[in-house]
């Protein structure tokens, strides 16, 4: 009886969850499509804006929800702000500037930005141009800083 309880408790700590599979090979094994929460972020001056607003310096709302974030800056001073990397280790965002005329500026409440292949911090803000290949970025918290991949 005690042996069964100990075995059961120890196997819970090493469980694997399978979705659409009876033999998961990872902690989470998904055999099928994955859908992530998408949010449209528009400027606070626009009627019907999204859940989070880009805004003038110092007044933007922190991005804290969603995975795929569509950003629509309306002026060159609009900012989008990531949370402190320390508070969200492992968090992944896919950010896309969907404007056809305005760059998006990305700041953070904590941590620095590092390009995927660099050990030197990139000065904030991280600029996402409206007319170049850098319109989309994947950004990941390592628990201290943000690593970005264009």
N, C-alpha and C. Protein backbone atom coordinates (compact mmCIF):
# COMPACT_ATOMS: atom_id res chain seq x y z
N UNK A 1 0.83 -1.19 0.00
CA UNK A 1 0.00 0.00 0.00
C UNK A 1 0.88 1.25 0.00
N UNK A 2 1.84 1.34 0.93
CA UNK A 2 2.73 2.50 0.97
C UNK A 2 3.56 2.57 -0.29
N UNK A 3 4.06 1.41 -0.78
CA UNK A 3 4.85 1.39 -2.01
C UNK A 3 4.03 1.94 -3.18
N UNK A 4 2.77 1.56 -3.28
CA UNK A 4 1.89 2.04 -4.36
C UNK A 4 1.69 3.54 -4.29
N UNK A 5 1.52 4.08 -3.07
CA UNK A 5 1.34 5.52 -2.90
C UNK A 5 2.60 6.27 -3.32
N UNK A 6 3.77 5.81 -2.87
CA UNK A 6 5.04 6.45 -3.23
C UNK A 6 5.26 6.40 -4.73
N UNK A 7 4.98 5.26 -5.35
CA UNK A 7 5.15 5.12 -6.80
C UNK A 7 4.22 6.08 -7.54
N UNK A 8 2.98 6.16 -7.09
CA UNK A 8 2.02 7.06 -7.72
C UNK A 8 2.46 8.51 -7.59
N UNK A 9 2.90 8.92 -6.42
CA UNK A 9 3.33 10.30 -6.20
C UNK A 9 4.57 10.64 -7.01
N UNK A 10 5.51 9.70 -7.12
CA UNK A 10 6.72 9.99 -7.88
C UNK A 10 6.44 10.05 -9.37
N UNK A 11 5.48 9.29 -9.85
CA UNK A 11 5.17 9.33 -11.28
C UNK A 11 4.42 10.59 -11.66
N UNK A 12 3.71 11.21 -10.72
CA UNK A 12 3.01 12.46 -10.99
C UNK A 12 4.02 13.56 -11.31
N UNK A 13 5.14 13.60 -10.63
CA UNK A 13 6.15 14.62 -10.88
C UNK A 13 6.80 14.51 -12.25
N UNK A 14 6.70 13.38 -12.90
CA UNK A 14 7.32 13.17 -14.21
C UNK A 14 6.28 12.85 -15.27
N UNK A 15 5.07 13.32 -15.10
CA UNK A 15 3.99 13.01 -16.03
C UNK A 15 4.18 13.70 -17.35
N UNK A 16 3.64 13.07 -18.38
CA UNK A 16 3.60 13.65 -19.71
C UNK A 16 2.15 13.70 -20.13
N UNK A 17 1.77 14.76 -20.82
CA UNK A 17 0.40 14.95 -21.27
C UNK A 17 0.38 14.86 -22.78
N UNK A 18 -0.51 14.05 -23.29
CA UNK A 18 -0.68 13.92 -24.73
C UNK A 18 -2.04 14.40 -25.17
N UNK A 19 -2.07 15.21 -26.20
CA UNK A 19 -3.33 15.65 -26.79
C UNK A 19 -3.41 14.98 -28.16
N UNK A 20 -4.40 14.14 -28.32
CA UNK A 20 -4.61 13.36 -29.55
C UNK A 20 -3.50 12.32 -29.74
N UNK A 21 -2.89 11.89 -28.64
CA UNK A 21 -1.91 10.80 -28.68
C UNK A 21 -1.97 10.06 -27.35
N UNK A 22 -1.80 8.77 -27.40
CA UNK A 22 -1.80 7.97 -26.16
C UNK A 22 -0.39 7.71 -25.67
N UNK A 23 0.62 8.11 -26.45
CA UNK A 23 2.01 7.89 -26.05
C UNK A 23 2.81 9.19 -26.18
N UNK A 24 2.58 10.15 -25.28
CA UNK A 24 3.30 11.42 -25.37
C UNK A 24 4.80 11.22 -25.16
N UNK A 25 5.60 11.92 -25.96
CA UNK A 25 7.05 11.81 -25.90
C UNK A 25 7.70 13.02 -25.24
N UNK A 26 6.91 14.01 -24.88
CA UNK A 26 7.40 15.21 -24.20
C UNK A 26 6.45 15.55 -23.08
N UNK A 27 6.80 16.54 -22.27
CA UNK A 27 5.92 16.97 -21.19
C UNK A 27 4.55 17.32 -21.73
N UNK A 28 4.51 18.03 -22.86
CA UNK A 28 3.27 18.29 -23.58
C UNK A 28 3.50 17.87 -25.02
N UNK A 29 2.75 16.90 -25.49
CA UNK A 29 2.88 16.37 -26.84
C UNK A 29 1.55 16.56 -27.55
N UNK A 30 1.54 17.42 -28.56
CA UNK A 30 0.31 17.73 -29.29
C UNK A 30 0.39 17.10 -30.67
N UNK A 31 -0.52 16.20 -30.95
CA UNK A 31 -0.61 15.59 -32.27
C UNK A 31 -1.78 16.26 -32.98
N UNK A 32 -1.50 17.39 -33.59
CA UNK A 32 -2.54 18.17 -34.26
C UNK A 32 -2.11 19.61 -34.36
N UNK A 33 -3.03 20.46 -34.69
CA UNK A 33 -2.74 21.88 -34.84
C UNK A 33 -2.73 22.58 -33.49
N UNK A 34 -2.01 23.68 -33.43
CA UNK A 34 -1.95 24.50 -32.22
C UNK A 34 -2.47 25.88 -32.57
N UNK A 35 -3.36 26.38 -31.77
CA UNK A 35 -3.89 27.73 -31.96
C UNK A 35 -3.49 28.56 -30.75
N UNK A 36 -2.97 29.76 -30.98
CA UNK A 36 -2.58 30.64 -29.88
C UNK A 36 -3.41 31.90 -29.93
N UNK A 37 -3.55 32.53 -28.79
CA UNK A 37 -4.37 33.73 -28.68
C UNK A 37 -3.75 34.88 -29.45
N UNK A 38 -4.53 35.49 -30.32
CA UNK A 38 -4.10 36.64 -31.12
C UNK A 38 -4.84 37.87 -30.62
N UNK A 39 -4.07 38.95 -30.47
CA UNK A 39 -4.68 40.23 -30.08
C UNK A 39 -4.31 41.28 -31.10
N UNK A 40 -5.27 42.11 -31.42
CA UNK A 40 -5.00 43.27 -32.25
C UNK A 40 -4.78 44.46 -31.34
N UNK A 41 -3.66 45.11 -31.47
CA UNK A 41 -3.36 46.26 -30.64
C UNK A 41 -3.39 47.49 -31.53
N UNK A 42 -4.25 48.41 -31.20
CA UNK A 42 -4.35 49.63 -31.98
C UNK A 42 -4.09 50.82 -31.08
N UNK A 43 -3.88 51.97 -31.66
CA UNK A 43 -3.61 53.18 -30.90
C UNK A 43 -4.83 53.59 -30.09
N UNK A 44 -4.59 54.11 -28.89
CA UNK A 44 -5.69 54.49 -28.01
C UNK A 44 -6.52 55.63 -28.57
N UNK A 45 -6.01 56.35 -29.55
CA UNK A 45 -6.77 57.46 -30.14
C UNK A 45 -7.76 56.98 -31.19
N UNK A 46 -7.74 55.70 -31.52
CA UNK A 46 -8.60 55.17 -32.57
C UNK A 46 -9.83 54.56 -31.93
N UNK A 47 -10.99 54.89 -32.46
CA UNK A 47 -12.24 54.34 -31.95
C UNK A 47 -12.26 52.83 -32.09
N UNK A 48 -12.70 52.13 -31.05
CA UNK A 48 -12.80 50.67 -31.08
C UNK A 48 -11.44 49.99 -30.97
N UNK A 49 -10.53 50.62 -30.25
CA UNK A 49 -9.17 50.06 -30.17
C UNK A 49 -9.18 48.72 -29.45
N UNK A 50 -8.08 47.98 -29.61
CA UNK A 50 -7.94 46.65 -29.03
C UNK A 50 -7.76 46.68 -27.53
N UNK A 51 -7.49 45.52 -26.95
CA UNK A 51 -7.34 45.37 -25.51
C UNK A 51 -6.17 46.17 -24.98
N UNK A 52 -5.05 46.17 -25.69
CA UNK A 52 -3.87 46.93 -25.29
C UNK A 52 -3.60 48.02 -26.30
N UNK A 53 -3.19 49.19 -25.81
CA UNK A 53 -3.01 50.33 -26.69
C UNK A 53 -1.56 50.75 -26.78
N UNK A 54 -1.13 51.00 -28.00
CA UNK A 54 0.12 51.72 -28.16
C UNK A 54 -0.21 53.15 -27.82
N UNK A 55 0.74 53.90 -27.36
CA UNK A 55 0.43 55.27 -27.02
C UNK A 55 1.67 56.12 -26.99
N UNK A 56 1.47 57.41 -26.80
CA UNK A 56 2.60 58.32 -26.72
C UNK A 56 3.52 57.94 -25.57
N UNK A 57 4.73 58.44 -25.62
CA UNK A 57 5.76 58.11 -24.64
C UNK A 57 5.22 58.12 -23.22
N UNK A 58 5.40 56.99 -22.53
CA UNK A 58 5.03 56.88 -21.13
C UNK A 58 3.59 56.53 -20.85
N UNK A 59 2.72 56.44 -21.87
CA UNK A 59 1.31 56.16 -21.58
C UNK A 59 0.79 54.90 -22.25
N UNK A 60 1.66 54.08 -22.79
CA UNK A 60 1.22 52.84 -23.41
C UNK A 60 0.91 51.81 -22.34
N UNK A 61 -0.03 50.91 -22.63
CA UNK A 61 -0.39 49.84 -21.72
C UNK A 61 0.55 48.66 -21.95
N UNK A 62 0.97 48.03 -20.86
CA UNK A 62 1.86 46.87 -20.95
C UNK A 62 1.17 45.73 -21.69
N UNK A 63 1.91 45.08 -22.59
CA UNK A 63 1.43 43.87 -23.24
C UNK A 63 1.60 42.74 -22.23
N UNK A 64 0.51 42.07 -21.88
CA UNK A 64 0.62 41.00 -20.89
C UNK A 64 -0.26 39.81 -21.24
N UNK A 65 -0.89 39.84 -22.40
CA UNK A 65 -1.79 38.77 -22.77
C UNK A 65 -1.59 38.46 -24.25
N UNK A 66 -1.95 37.27 -24.65
CA UNK A 66 -1.84 36.89 -26.05
C UNK A 66 -0.47 36.35 -26.39
N UNK A 67 -0.35 35.82 -27.57
CA UNK A 67 0.91 35.31 -28.08
C UNK A 67 1.25 36.02 -29.38
N UNK A 68 0.29 36.07 -30.31
CA UNK A 68 0.48 36.77 -31.58
C UNK A 68 -0.16 38.14 -31.43
N UNK A 69 0.66 39.17 -31.49
CA UNK A 69 0.19 40.53 -31.25
C UNK A 69 0.32 41.33 -32.53
N UNK A 70 -0.82 41.81 -33.06
CA UNK A 70 -0.82 42.69 -34.22
C UNK A 70 -0.85 44.12 -33.71
N UNK A 71 0.20 44.88 -34.03
CA UNK A 71 0.32 46.26 -33.54
C UNK A 71 0.04 47.24 -34.68
N UNK A 72 -0.71 48.29 -34.35
CA UNK A 72 -1.02 49.32 -35.33
C UNK A 72 -0.64 50.69 -34.77
N UNK A 73 0.62 51.09 -34.89
CA UNK A 73 0.99 52.44 -34.44
C UNK A 73 0.41 53.48 -35.40
N UNK A 74 0.00 54.61 -34.86
CA UNK A 74 -0.58 55.66 -35.70
C UNK A 74 0.28 56.91 -35.78
N UNK A 75 1.29 56.98 -34.94
CA UNK A 75 2.21 58.12 -35.02
C UNK A 75 3.60 57.63 -34.67
N UNK A 76 4.60 58.40 -35.02
CA UNK A 76 5.98 58.03 -34.75
C UNK A 76 6.32 57.98 -33.28
N UNK A 77 5.45 58.49 -32.41
CA UNK A 77 5.73 58.49 -30.98
C UNK A 77 5.00 57.37 -30.24
N UNK A 78 4.24 56.55 -30.95
CA UNK A 78 3.52 55.44 -30.31
C UNK A 78 4.50 54.38 -29.81
N UNK A 79 4.24 53.86 -28.61
CA UNK A 79 5.08 52.85 -27.99
C UNK A 79 4.25 51.62 -27.63
N UNK A 80 4.89 50.47 -27.61
CA UNK A 80 4.32 49.22 -27.13
C UNK A 80 5.31 48.68 -26.11
N UNK A 81 4.82 48.26 -24.93
CA UNK A 81 5.70 47.93 -23.82
C UNK A 81 5.50 46.49 -23.36
N UNK A 82 6.61 45.74 -23.35
CA UNK A 82 6.61 44.37 -22.84
C UNK A 82 6.74 44.38 -21.33
N UNK A 83 6.27 43.33 -20.65
CA UNK A 83 6.44 43.25 -19.20
C UNK A 83 7.91 43.05 -18.83
N UNK A 84 8.19 43.13 -17.55
CA UNK A 84 9.53 42.86 -17.05
C UNK A 84 9.86 41.39 -17.31
N UNK A 85 10.97 41.13 -17.98
CA UNK A 85 11.36 39.76 -18.34
C UNK A 85 11.52 38.86 -17.12
N UNK A 86 11.87 39.42 -15.98
CA UNK A 86 12.04 38.65 -14.74
C UNK A 86 10.71 38.04 -14.31
N UNK A 87 9.62 38.74 -14.54
CA UNK A 87 8.30 38.30 -14.09
C UNK A 87 7.65 37.26 -15.01
N UNK A 88 8.20 37.07 -16.21
CA UNK A 88 7.56 36.16 -17.17
C UNK A 88 8.59 35.25 -17.86
N UNK A 89 9.39 34.49 -17.10
CA UNK A 89 10.40 33.63 -17.73
C UNK A 89 9.76 32.62 -18.67
N UNK A 90 10.35 32.49 -19.85
CA UNK A 90 9.83 31.56 -20.84
C UNK A 90 8.70 32.10 -21.69
N UNK A 91 8.21 33.30 -21.40
CA UNK A 91 7.12 33.89 -22.17
C UNK A 91 7.58 34.16 -23.59
N UNK A 92 6.74 33.86 -24.56
CA UNK A 92 7.03 34.07 -25.97
C UNK A 92 5.94 34.95 -26.57
N UNK A 93 6.36 35.96 -27.30
CA UNK A 93 5.44 36.80 -28.07
C UNK A 93 5.87 36.79 -29.53
N UNK A 94 4.91 36.84 -30.41
CA UNK A 94 5.15 37.09 -31.82
C UNK A 94 4.51 38.45 -32.08
N UNK A 95 5.34 39.43 -32.38
CA UNK A 95 4.86 40.80 -32.58
C UNK A 95 4.92 41.14 -34.06
N UNK A 96 3.89 41.77 -34.58
CA UNK A 96 3.86 42.18 -35.99
C UNK A 96 3.36 43.61 -36.10
N UNK A 97 4.15 44.44 -36.77
CA UNK A 97 3.74 45.80 -37.08
C UNK A 97 2.89 45.74 -38.34
N UNK A 98 1.59 45.96 -38.22
CA UNK A 98 0.71 45.85 -39.38
C UNK A 98 0.45 47.21 -40.03
N UNK A 99 1.10 48.25 -39.55
CA UNK A 99 0.97 49.56 -40.17
C UNK A 99 1.68 49.57 -41.53
N UNK A 100 1.15 50.32 -42.45
CA UNK A 100 1.79 50.50 -43.75
C UNK A 100 2.54 51.82 -43.85
N UNK A 101 2.61 52.57 -42.73
CA UNK A 101 3.26 53.88 -42.83
C UNK A 101 4.01 54.32 -41.58
N UNK A 102 3.91 53.59 -40.46
CA UNK A 102 4.51 54.04 -39.20
C UNK A 102 5.31 52.90 -38.56
N UNK A 103 6.52 53.21 -38.11
CA UNK A 103 7.33 52.24 -37.36
C UNK A 103 6.72 51.99 -35.99
N UNK A 104 6.87 50.78 -35.47
CA UNK A 104 6.45 50.46 -34.10
C UNK A 104 7.68 50.48 -33.21
N UNK A 105 7.54 51.04 -32.02
CA UNK A 105 8.63 51.10 -31.04
C UNK A 105 8.29 50.18 -29.89
N UNK A 106 9.22 49.27 -29.57
CA UNK A 106 9.01 48.31 -28.49
C UNK A 106 9.95 48.64 -27.34
N UNK A 107 9.37 48.79 -26.15
CA UNK A 107 10.12 49.00 -24.93
C UNK A 107 9.81 47.85 -23.98
N UNK A 108 10.46 47.82 -22.83
CA UNK A 108 10.19 46.82 -21.81
C UNK A 108 10.23 47.47 -20.43
N UNK A 109 9.42 46.93 -19.52
CA UNK A 109 9.44 47.40 -18.13
C UNK A 109 10.59 46.80 -17.35
N UNK A 110 11.35 45.90 -17.96
CA UNK A 110 12.51 45.33 -17.28
C UNK A 110 13.22 44.32 -18.14
N UNK A 111 14.54 44.37 -18.11
CA UNK A 111 15.36 43.51 -18.94
C UNK A 111 15.81 44.27 -20.18
N UNK A 112 16.81 43.72 -20.83
CA UNK A 112 17.32 44.33 -22.05
C UNK A 112 16.95 43.47 -23.25
N UNK A 113 17.14 44.03 -24.44
CA UNK A 113 16.90 43.31 -25.68
C UNK A 113 18.23 42.77 -26.21
N UNK A 114 18.25 41.50 -26.58
CA UNK A 114 19.42 40.89 -27.19
C UNK A 114 19.00 40.20 -28.48
N UNK A 115 19.71 40.48 -29.57
CA UNK A 115 19.48 39.75 -30.81
C UNK A 115 19.87 38.30 -30.59
N UNK A 116 19.28 37.40 -31.34
CA UNK A 116 19.51 35.96 -31.16
C UNK A 116 20.97 35.57 -31.22
N UNK A 117 21.78 36.30 -31.98
CA UNK A 117 23.17 35.92 -32.20
C UNK A 117 24.15 36.91 -31.58
N UNK A 118 23.72 37.64 -30.55
CA UNK A 118 24.58 38.67 -29.97
C UNK A 118 24.61 38.57 -28.45
N UNK A 119 25.75 38.94 -27.86
CA UNK A 119 25.83 39.05 -26.40
C UNK A 119 25.90 40.51 -25.98
N UNK A 120 25.62 41.41 -26.92
CA UNK A 120 25.57 42.84 -26.65
C UNK A 120 24.13 43.31 -26.71
N UNK A 121 23.69 44.02 -25.70
CA UNK A 121 22.30 44.49 -25.66
C UNK A 121 22.05 45.50 -26.77
N UNK A 122 20.83 45.44 -27.31
CA UNK A 122 20.36 46.41 -28.29
C UNK A 122 19.72 47.56 -27.54
N UNK A 123 20.04 48.78 -27.91
CA UNK A 123 19.45 49.94 -27.25
C UNK A 123 17.94 49.97 -27.50
N UNK A 124 17.19 50.29 -26.45
CA UNK A 124 15.75 50.47 -26.59
C UNK A 124 15.49 51.85 -27.19
N UNK A 125 14.46 51.99 -27.99
CA UNK A 125 13.46 50.98 -28.30
C UNK A 125 13.93 50.05 -29.42
N UNK A 126 13.28 48.91 -29.47
CA UNK A 126 13.44 48.00 -30.58
C UNK A 126 12.49 48.51 -31.67
N UNK A 127 13.04 48.87 -32.82
CA UNK A 127 12.22 49.47 -33.89
C UNK A 127 11.77 48.39 -34.85
N UNK A 128 10.47 48.34 -35.09
CA UNK A 128 9.90 47.44 -36.08
C UNK A 128 9.36 48.28 -37.23
N UNK A 129 10.08 48.31 -38.34
CA UNK A 129 9.69 49.17 -39.45
C UNK A 129 8.41 48.73 -40.14
N UNK A 130 7.76 49.67 -40.79
CA UNK A 130 6.53 49.39 -41.51
C UNK A 130 6.79 48.88 -42.92
N UNK A 131 8.01 49.04 -43.42
CA UNK A 131 8.24 48.76 -44.84
C UNK A 131 9.48 47.89 -45.08
N UNK A 132 9.78 46.98 -44.18
CA UNK A 132 10.98 46.17 -44.35
C UNK A 132 10.73 44.76 -43.83
N UNK A 133 11.74 43.93 -43.96
CA UNK A 133 11.60 42.54 -43.56
C UNK A 133 11.51 42.36 -42.05
N UNK A 134 11.71 43.41 -41.29
CA UNK A 134 11.70 43.32 -39.83
C UNK A 134 10.33 43.68 -39.25
N UNK A 135 9.27 43.52 -40.02
CA UNK A 135 7.92 43.84 -39.55
C UNK A 135 7.43 42.86 -38.49
N UNK A 136 8.02 41.66 -38.44
CA UNK A 136 7.60 40.65 -37.48
C UNK A 136 8.80 40.20 -36.67
N UNK A 137 8.62 40.05 -35.35
CA UNK A 137 9.69 39.60 -34.48
C UNK A 137 9.13 38.58 -33.48
N UNK A 138 9.92 37.56 -33.20
CA UNK A 138 9.62 36.63 -32.11
C UNK A 138 10.49 37.05 -30.95
N UNK A 139 9.91 37.22 -29.78
CA UNK A 139 10.66 37.71 -28.63
C UNK A 139 10.38 36.80 -27.44
N UNK A 140 11.46 36.40 -26.74
CA UNK A 140 11.37 35.38 -25.69
C UNK A 140 12.06 35.87 -24.43
N UNK A 141 11.40 35.72 -23.28
CA UNK A 141 12.01 36.06 -22.00
C UNK A 141 12.84 34.89 -21.51
N UNK A 142 14.10 35.17 -21.13
CA UNK A 142 14.94 34.13 -20.52
C UNK A 142 14.91 34.22 -18.99
N UNK A 143 14.03 35.05 -18.47
CA UNK A 143 13.92 35.24 -17.03
C UNK A 143 14.71 36.44 -16.53
N UNK A 144 15.52 37.03 -17.39
CA UNK A 144 16.28 38.25 -17.07
C UNK A 144 16.15 39.30 -18.16
N UNK A 145 16.21 38.84 -19.42
CA UNK A 145 16.20 39.73 -20.57
C UNK A 145 15.30 39.17 -21.66
N UNK A 146 15.20 39.92 -22.75
CA UNK A 146 14.42 39.50 -23.91
C UNK A 146 15.35 39.18 -25.07
N UNK A 147 15.19 38.01 -25.67
CA UNK A 147 15.92 37.65 -26.88
C UNK A 147 14.95 37.79 -28.04
N UNK A 148 15.41 38.44 -29.12
CA UNK A 148 14.52 38.62 -30.26
C UNK A 148 15.11 38.01 -31.52
N UNK A 149 14.20 37.52 -32.36
CA UNK A 149 14.56 36.87 -33.62
C UNK A 149 13.70 37.49 -34.70
N UNK A 150 14.32 38.14 -35.69
CA UNK A 150 13.56 38.69 -36.82
C UNK A 150 13.46 37.64 -37.89
